[in-house]
Protein backbone atom coordinates (compact mmCIF):
# COMPACT_ATOMS: atom_id res chain seq x y z
CA MET A 1 -31.80 156.43 -208.50
CA SER A 2 -28.52 158.08 -208.87
CA GLY A 3 -25.68 157.42 -211.12
CA PRO A 4 -22.41 155.75 -210.45
CA TRP A 5 -20.04 157.66 -207.98
CA HIS A 6 -16.87 158.94 -209.48
CA ARG A 7 -13.65 159.76 -207.60
CA PRO A 8 -12.69 163.47 -207.82
CA ASP A 9 -9.39 163.95 -209.92
CA TRP A 10 -7.31 166.60 -207.65
CA ARG A 11 -3.99 166.13 -209.82
CA GLY A 12 -5.29 168.81 -211.99
CA GLY A 13 -5.82 171.20 -209.33
CA CYS A 14 -2.82 170.65 -207.48
CA PHE A 15 -0.49 170.95 -210.85
CA GLY A 16 -2.63 174.59 -211.10
CA PHE A 17 -1.88 175.52 -207.54
CA LEU A 18 1.81 174.66 -207.76
CA ALA A 19 2.29 176.66 -210.91
CA VAL A 20 0.88 179.94 -209.40
CA ALA A 21 3.14 179.58 -206.57
CA LEU A 22 6.23 179.07 -208.58
CA ALA A 23 5.10 182.17 -210.82
CA CYS A 24 4.75 184.14 -207.71
CA THR A 25 7.92 182.98 -206.20
CA VAL A 26 9.80 183.94 -209.43
CA SER A 27 8.18 187.31 -209.62
CA PHE A 28 9.40 188.33 -205.87
CA ALA A 29 12.92 187.23 -206.91
CA VAL A 30 12.71 188.97 -210.01
CA VAL A 31 11.63 192.03 -207.94
CA ALA A 32 14.17 191.69 -205.33
CA ALA A 33 16.95 191.36 -207.82
CA VAL A 34 15.83 194.51 -209.45
CA PRO A 35 18.33 197.17 -208.13
CA VAL A 36 16.94 200.33 -206.67
CA PRO A 37 18.53 203.56 -207.55
CA ILE A 38 19.40 206.07 -204.50
CA THR A 39 21.61 208.99 -203.66
CA ILE A 40 23.77 208.44 -200.67
CA MET A 41 25.69 211.65 -199.62
CA GLY A 42 25.67 213.09 -202.82
CA GLU A 43 26.81 209.64 -204.65
CA ARG A 44 24.43 208.01 -206.81
CA VAL A 45 24.31 204.42 -206.42
CA GLU A 46 22.35 201.20 -206.63
CA VAL A 47 21.15 198.85 -203.60
CA PRO A 48 19.24 195.60 -203.61
CA ALA A 49 15.57 196.34 -202.79
CA GLY A 50 15.03 195.89 -199.15
CA THR A 51 18.17 197.61 -198.21
CA THR A 52 17.99 199.51 -194.94
CA VAL A 53 19.56 202.84 -194.74
CA ALA A 54 22.40 201.66 -192.23
CA ALA A 55 23.39 198.93 -194.70
CA ALA A 56 23.57 201.46 -197.53
CA LEU A 57 25.67 203.59 -195.74
CA GLY A 58 27.95 200.67 -194.68
CA GLU A 59 30.77 200.78 -191.91
CA GLY A 60 32.47 203.86 -193.02
CA ARG A 61 29.93 206.34 -193.45
CA GLN A 62 27.73 205.97 -190.17
CA PRO A 63 26.88 209.01 -188.22
CA GLU A 64 29.39 210.14 -185.65
CA ALA A 65 28.43 210.87 -181.89
CA GLY A 66 29.01 214.56 -180.65
CA ASP A 67 31.75 215.42 -177.92
CA LEU A 68 31.53 216.18 -174.44
CA ILE A 69 33.24 219.53 -174.32
CA ASP A 70 33.98 222.34 -171.75
CA VAL A 71 32.77 225.95 -171.99
CA ASP A 72 35.80 226.89 -174.07
CA GLY A 73 35.01 224.09 -176.67
CA GLU A 74 37.86 221.90 -175.79
CA ILE A 75 37.24 218.14 -175.94
CA LEU A 76 36.60 216.26 -172.72
CA GLU A 77 35.59 212.94 -174.23
CA ALA A 78 35.20 212.25 -177.68
CA GLY A 79 32.16 210.49 -178.77
CA ALA A 80 30.11 211.20 -175.20
CA GLY A 81 27.88 213.69 -176.68
CA MET A 82 24.53 213.15 -178.48
CA PRO A 83 24.34 210.30 -180.85
CA GLY A 84 24.33 210.72 -184.58
CA VAL A 85 21.26 211.10 -186.85
CA TYR A 86 20.23 208.89 -189.96
CA LEU A 87 18.62 211.10 -192.58
CA LEU A 88 16.36 209.77 -195.30
CA ASN A 89 15.16 212.48 -198.13
CA GLY A 90 16.28 215.04 -195.31
CA LEU A 91 14.17 213.75 -192.53
CA GLN A 92 15.34 211.74 -189.28
CA CYS A 93 14.80 207.90 -189.39
CA SER A 94 15.55 204.94 -188.02
CA PRO A 95 18.71 202.99 -189.27
CA ASP A 96 16.46 200.36 -190.02
CA ALA A 97 14.50 202.01 -192.66
CA GLN A 98 14.15 200.71 -196.16
CA VAL A 99 15.27 202.91 -199.02
CA ARG A 100 13.02 203.29 -202.25
CA PRO A 101 13.93 204.19 -205.71
CA GLY A 102 14.95 208.28 -205.61
CA ASP A 103 15.67 208.40 -201.95
CA TYR A 104 18.32 210.62 -200.58
CA VAL A 105 20.28 209.02 -197.56
CA ASP A 106 22.61 211.37 -195.53
CA VAL A 107 23.68 211.53 -191.93
CA ARG A 108 24.21 214.39 -189.53
CA PRO A 109 26.97 214.11 -186.58
CA GLY A 110 25.48 214.28 -183.25
CA ASP A 111 25.53 217.54 -181.71
CA ASP A 112 28.06 218.35 -178.84
CA ILE A 113 27.44 218.15 -174.90
CA VAL A 114 28.53 220.85 -173.13
CA GLU A 115 29.60 220.10 -169.57
CA THR A 116 27.25 220.95 -166.85
CA ILE A 117 27.77 224.17 -165.04
CA VAL A 118 26.96 224.43 -161.25
CA ILE A 119 26.53 227.82 -159.41
CA GLU A 120 27.50 227.15 -155.85
CA GLU A 121 27.95 229.29 -152.57
CA GLN A 122 31.36 228.98 -150.77
CA LEU A 123 32.10 229.90 -147.41
CA THR A 124 35.40 231.08 -146.34
CA PRO A 125 35.60 230.77 -142.48
CA ALA A 126 36.15 233.96 -140.46
CA PRO A 127 39.89 234.31 -139.88
CA MET A 128 40.75 234.99 -135.80
CA GLU A 129 41.69 238.06 -134.22
CA LEU A 130 43.35 237.27 -131.26
CA ARG A 131 44.23 239.69 -128.21
CA GLY A 132 45.61 239.49 -124.83
CA SER A 133 47.79 236.96 -122.89
CA GLY A 134 45.31 235.62 -119.97
CA SER A 135 44.60 232.25 -119.33
CA PHE A 136 40.76 232.50 -120.27
CA VAL A 137 39.80 232.23 -123.99
CA VAL A 138 36.45 234.52 -124.59
CA VAL A 139 34.88 235.08 -127.61
CA ARG A 140 33.91 238.59 -128.16
CA ASP A 141 32.13 238.53 -131.50
CA GLN A 142 31.61 235.30 -133.44
CA GLY A 143 32.45 236.80 -136.69
CA GLN A 144 30.82 236.15 -140.25
CA PRO A 145 32.19 233.86 -143.20
CA ALA A 146 32.74 235.35 -146.72
CA ARG A 147 30.12 234.18 -148.91
CA THR A 148 31.27 233.78 -152.63
CA THR A 149 29.04 232.63 -155.76
CA VAL A 150 31.14 230.25 -157.80
CA SER A 151 30.24 228.94 -161.15
CA ARG A 152 32.38 225.53 -162.09
CA GLY A 153 32.23 222.96 -164.56
CA VAL A 154 30.60 219.45 -163.19
CA VAL A 155 33.60 217.09 -165.18
CA THR A 156 36.73 219.66 -165.15
CA GLY A 157 36.12 221.24 -161.75
CA ARG A 158 37.47 224.46 -163.60
CA VAL A 159 36.24 227.87 -162.10
CA LEU A 160 34.46 229.68 -164.75
CA GLY A 161 33.48 232.79 -162.48
CA GLN A 162 33.07 234.08 -158.76
CA GLU A 163 31.62 236.90 -157.24
CA GLU A 164 31.83 237.82 -153.40
CA ARG A 165 28.68 238.39 -152.05
CA THR A 166 29.74 239.23 -148.33
CA THR A 167 33.07 240.23 -147.02
CA ALA A 168 34.47 237.99 -143.57
CA THR A 169 34.23 239.73 -140.54
CA PRO A 170 36.78 238.11 -137.71
CA LEU A 171 36.17 236.00 -135.02
CA SER A 172 37.45 238.27 -132.12
CA VAL A 173 39.03 236.38 -129.42
CA MET A 174 40.34 237.66 -126.17
CA ARG A 175 42.72 235.81 -123.71
CA VAL A 176 41.64 237.37 -120.60
CA GLN A 177 43.16 237.24 -116.91
CA TYR A 178 40.64 237.56 -114.08
CA ARG A 179 42.05 239.51 -111.34
CA LEU A 180 40.58 238.65 -107.94
CA SER A 181 40.86 240.04 -104.53
CA GLY A 182 43.05 238.28 -102.38
CA LYS A 183 45.35 235.40 -103.69
CA ARG A 184 43.76 232.55 -105.46
CA VAL A 185 45.67 230.35 -107.89
CA VAL A 186 44.59 227.18 -109.83
CA LEU A 187 46.92 224.20 -110.02
CA THR A 188 46.56 222.65 -113.61
CA LEU A 189 47.81 219.20 -114.73
CA ASP A 190 48.02 218.19 -118.27
CA ASP A 191 48.59 214.90 -120.27
CA GLY A 192 47.61 212.30 -117.76
CA PRO A 193 46.63 210.28 -116.05
CA SER A 194 49.76 208.08 -115.98
CA ARG A 195 51.44 205.61 -113.61
CA PRO A 196 53.08 206.08 -111.16
CA TYR A 197 52.70 210.01 -111.23
CA THR A 198 49.21 210.71 -111.25
CA SER A 199 48.91 208.55 -108.04
CA GLN A 200 52.03 210.29 -106.43
CA ILE A 201 50.40 213.99 -107.24
CA LEU A 202 47.46 212.87 -105.65
CA ASP A 203 48.90 211.87 -102.71
CA VAL A 204 50.43 215.40 -102.61
CA LEU A 205 47.06 217.17 -103.17
CA LYS A 206 45.27 214.94 -100.71
CA ALA A 207 48.01 215.58 -98.08
CA GLU A 208 47.91 219.38 -98.49
CA GLY A 209 44.08 219.60 -99.06
CA VAL A 210 43.86 221.61 -101.97
CA PRO A 211 42.21 220.92 -105.19
CA ALA A 212 43.55 220.62 -108.91
CA VAL A 213 42.35 220.59 -112.28
CA PHE A 214 43.24 217.66 -114.44
CA PHE A 215 43.37 218.26 -118.29
CA MET A 216 43.38 214.44 -119.33
CA LEU A 217 43.96 213.05 -122.84
CA GLY A 218 41.14 210.60 -123.71
CA ALA A 219 43.17 207.58 -124.58
CA ASN A 220 44.88 207.57 -121.18
CA VAL A 221 41.17 208.06 -119.40
CA ALA A 222 40.35 204.78 -121.34
CA ALA A 223 43.43 202.94 -120.30
CA ARG A 224 43.19 203.94 -117.05
CA PRO A 225 40.05 204.69 -115.55
CA ASP A 226 40.85 204.00 -111.93
CA LEU A 227 42.78 207.01 -111.80
CA VAL A 228 40.27 209.31 -113.46
CA LYS A 229 37.83 207.84 -111.03
CA ARG A 230 40.00 208.50 -107.93
CA ILE A 231 40.42 212.10 -109.39
CA ALA A 232 36.80 212.76 -109.29
CA GLU A 233 36.15 211.25 -105.98
CA GLU A 234 38.75 213.35 -104.09
CA GLY A 235 37.16 216.43 -105.42
CA HIS A 236 39.36 217.78 -108.22
CA GLU A 237 38.15 219.23 -111.64
CA LEU A 238 37.98 216.59 -114.41
CA ALA A 239 39.07 218.67 -117.93
CA ASN A 240 39.65 217.81 -121.42
CA HIS A 241 42.88 217.69 -123.37
CA GLY A 242 41.64 216.07 -126.69
CA TYR A 243 42.40 212.30 -127.07
CA SER A 244 45.79 211.93 -128.70
CA HIS A 245 47.73 214.90 -128.30
CA THR A 246 48.05 215.25 -132.15
CA LEU A 247 45.92 218.29 -132.32
CA ASP A 248 47.50 221.81 -133.36
CA GLU A 249 46.53 224.89 -135.20
CA GLN A 250 46.41 223.37 -138.57
CA SER A 251 43.64 220.77 -137.37
CA ASP A 252 40.31 221.08 -138.98
CA GLN A 253 37.08 221.45 -136.78
CA ALA A 254 35.70 217.96 -137.55
CA GLU A 255 38.85 216.44 -136.22
CA ILE A 256 39.10 218.63 -132.85
CA GLU A 257 35.32 218.16 -132.21
CA GLU A 258 35.64 214.44 -132.42
CA GLU A 259 38.88 214.29 -129.99
CA ILE A 260 37.24 216.42 -127.21
CA ALA A 261 33.61 214.33 -127.49
CA LYS A 262 35.55 211.21 -127.60
CA THR A 263 37.56 212.26 -124.46
CA ALA A 264 34.56 213.39 -122.62
CA ARG A 265 32.67 210.38 -123.46
CA ALA A 266 35.52 208.53 -122.02
CA VAL A 267 35.69 210.44 -118.91
CA GLU A 268 31.83 209.76 -118.41
CA ALA A 269 32.08 206.58 -119.00
CA ALA A 270 34.71 206.40 -116.08
CA THR A 271 33.13 208.76 -113.72
CA GLY A 272 29.39 209.55 -114.72
CA SER A 273 30.44 212.80 -115.14
CA THR A 274 31.57 214.95 -118.32
CA THR A 275 34.17 217.55 -118.95
CA THR A 276 33.14 221.35 -119.66
CA TRP A 277 36.80 222.84 -119.84
CA PHE A 278 39.20 222.10 -122.75
CA ARG A 279 42.79 223.11 -123.18
CA PRO A 280 44.30 222.28 -126.49
CA PRO A 281 47.62 220.42 -126.86
CA GLY A 282 50.50 222.88 -126.38
CA GLY A 283 47.94 225.62 -125.81
CA ALA A 284 47.54 225.46 -129.65
CA LEU A 285 45.01 228.13 -130.62
CA SER A 286 42.95 228.62 -134.03
CA ALA A 287 39.54 229.79 -135.12
CA ASN A 288 38.91 225.77 -135.83
CA MET A 289 39.72 225.10 -131.99
CA VAL A 290 37.53 227.92 -130.66
CA ARG A 291 34.39 226.76 -133.04
CA ALA A 292 35.14 223.19 -132.02
CA ALA A 293 35.02 223.85 -128.45
CA GLN A 294 32.00 225.99 -128.94
CA GLU A 295 30.20 223.54 -130.65
CA GLN A 296 31.11 220.78 -128.03
CA ASN A 297 30.12 222.92 -125.07
CA HIS A 298 33.36 223.55 -123.83
CA ARG A 299 35.19 226.28 -122.63
CA ILE A 300 38.73 226.97 -123.49
CA ALA A 301 41.28 227.48 -120.32
CA LEU A 302 45.04 227.98 -120.91
CA TRP A 303 47.55 229.30 -118.27
CA ASN A 304 49.59 232.17 -117.32
CA VAL A 305 52.20 230.51 -115.29
CA ASP A 306 54.05 227.69 -117.16
CA SER A 307 56.25 225.78 -114.91
CA LEU A 308 58.18 224.19 -117.73
CA ASP A 309 58.21 220.88 -116.13
CA TRP A 310 57.79 219.58 -119.88
CA SER A 311 60.84 221.05 -120.97
CA THR A 312 64.18 219.33 -121.82
CA ALA A 313 65.90 222.09 -123.83
CA ARG A 314 68.47 221.86 -121.02
CA GLY A 315 68.18 218.26 -120.00
CA ARG A 316 65.35 217.46 -117.87
CA PRO A 317 64.28 220.30 -115.15
CA SER A 318 64.94 219.68 -111.74
CA ALA A 319 62.42 220.12 -108.78
CA ASP A 320 64.42 223.25 -107.89
CA ALA A 321 64.28 224.42 -111.24
CA ILE A 322 60.26 223.99 -111.48
CA GLU A 323 59.86 225.63 -107.97
CA ALA A 324 62.07 228.65 -108.83
CA ARG A 325 60.13 228.82 -112.19
CA VAL A 326 56.85 229.09 -110.71
CA LEU A 327 57.46 231.19 -107.61
CA ASN A 328 60.01 233.70 -108.60
CA PRO A 329 58.15 236.18 -109.18
CA MET A 330 55.24 234.85 -107.04
CA PRO A 331 51.95 234.56 -108.93
CA GLU A 332 49.56 237.24 -109.19
CA SER A 333 45.93 236.37 -107.83
CA GLY A 334 43.77 234.51 -110.39
CA SER A 335 46.88 233.02 -112.09
CA VAL A 336 46.47 229.39 -113.71
CA LEU A 337 49.47 227.39 -113.16
CA LEU A 338 50.84 224.78 -115.66
CA PHE A 339 52.19 221.45 -114.54
CA HIS A 340 52.36 218.14 -115.90
CA ASP A 341 51.16 214.45 -114.78
CA GLY A 342 51.90 212.80 -117.76
CA GLY A 343 53.84 212.74 -121.00
CA GLY A 344 57.14 211.32 -119.43
CA ASN A 345 59.17 211.24 -116.03
CA ARG A 346 57.22 213.76 -113.88
CA LEU A 347 59.37 212.58 -110.40
CA ALA A 348 60.62 216.37 -110.35
CA THR A 349 56.95 217.71 -110.83
CA VAL A 350 55.68 215.51 -107.86
CA GLN A 351 58.64 216.65 -105.60
CA ALA A 352 58.24 220.45 -106.94
CA LEU A 353 54.58 220.56 -106.36
CA SER A 354 54.71 219.67 -102.93
CA ARG A 355 57.14 222.37 -101.99
CA ILE A 356 55.31 224.75 -104.33
CA ILE A 357 52.12 224.44 -102.59
CA ARG A 358 53.30 224.74 -98.90
CA THR A 359 55.19 228.12 -100.25
CA LEU A 360 52.09 229.37 -101.66
CA LYS A 361 50.16 228.50 -98.45
CA ASP A 362 52.66 230.23 -96.24
CA LYS A 363 52.29 233.46 -98.28
CA GLY A 364 48.33 233.42 -97.83
CA TYR A 365 47.48 232.01 -100.95
CA GLU A 366 44.23 229.78 -101.54
CA PHE A 367 43.62 227.43 -104.19
CA CYS A 368 40.68 226.70 -106.23
CA THR A 369 39.15 225.06 -109.73
CA LEU A 370 38.59 227.03 -112.93
CA THR A 371 35.07 226.73 -112.47
CA GLN A 372 35.36 228.50 -108.88
CA LEU A 373 37.70 231.01 -110.19
CA ALA A 374 35.69 232.03 -113.51
CA GLU A 375 32.67 232.18 -111.08
CA ALA A 376 34.21 234.20 -108.45
CA ALA A 377 35.00 236.52 -111.27
CA GLY A 378 31.53 236.84 -112.54
CA LEU A 379 31.92 234.60 -115.58
CA ARG A 380 28.37 233.06 -116.46
CA LEU A 381 29.53 229.54 -117.43
CA GLY A 382 25.98 228.72 -118.24
CA SER A 383 25.64 231.48 -121.04
């Protein structure tokens, strides 16, 4: 039989445990309160135990980032270089690393970053070399652009050096006039279609039974597709004069190409046929104009007889003045005659054209399109 049961006395054990815990806490507090001797950037100091490198340095001595500089050392952007470095006993460390007695804390500024240098090849288009004064623009040599290697800074764009690799050879262009046997001329009309003059001119051409070439502005084509359709249906040649009549020798190639293409699309939408001849507004001729026409599969045609029906230098020309300008002297065979069916009041042109056609017929002249004239001269239009 067992003896009587007694409840354990926990009070003594609990008091012992609390005493140990309290002693440890006091010990930790004492340790934490003990200053830690370290050296910061040559200065001996004492910091509390557990202090981090960044905290020991304080706000005024944090490592500075390097700068973004150009190749000459000029600062482009302060602090945009590599970040500064924390050092603990000469070794790179985390800013959160805790210091210990005797540690040496220092910083090193970040390295500068030199702006990136790129090497590019620049192409300088070949200059145009133009000879002759005929109606048809023919490219004799495509030429070659100048190739130059250029080193430059990405940020500043500053050119550090360049070397010409190849020199340019000129784009060789000739304006030729095709001399044909017999007497053949081409009537061309610019800046239309317009109302009422294009219809009136078409009536004259129909009555006389002669073809013409209409160099149309794309904006006018889009606005008056019925007139464009009539031009095509009556057997005349559809040609391209750009879209807005704003192109000149300074226009860039992309702009010229867009105007040619946009006009060709408008003509095709109205007639189902596209254009293959291009006349720059005002006859403006440049290397960009020639290359743009080539890229858009158009040949350039100008003129060699200008009726000056567009000129207002001495007031609007009369029908008599226009007639005299074209027929005195009589045009050579193969001539391309310039008139306008748009761009202003063209009543005098309508009146003069009828008389000019009759006079030329009486003198034995025949009328043809640009394509017919070029083919008769042996020009391979598909090449």
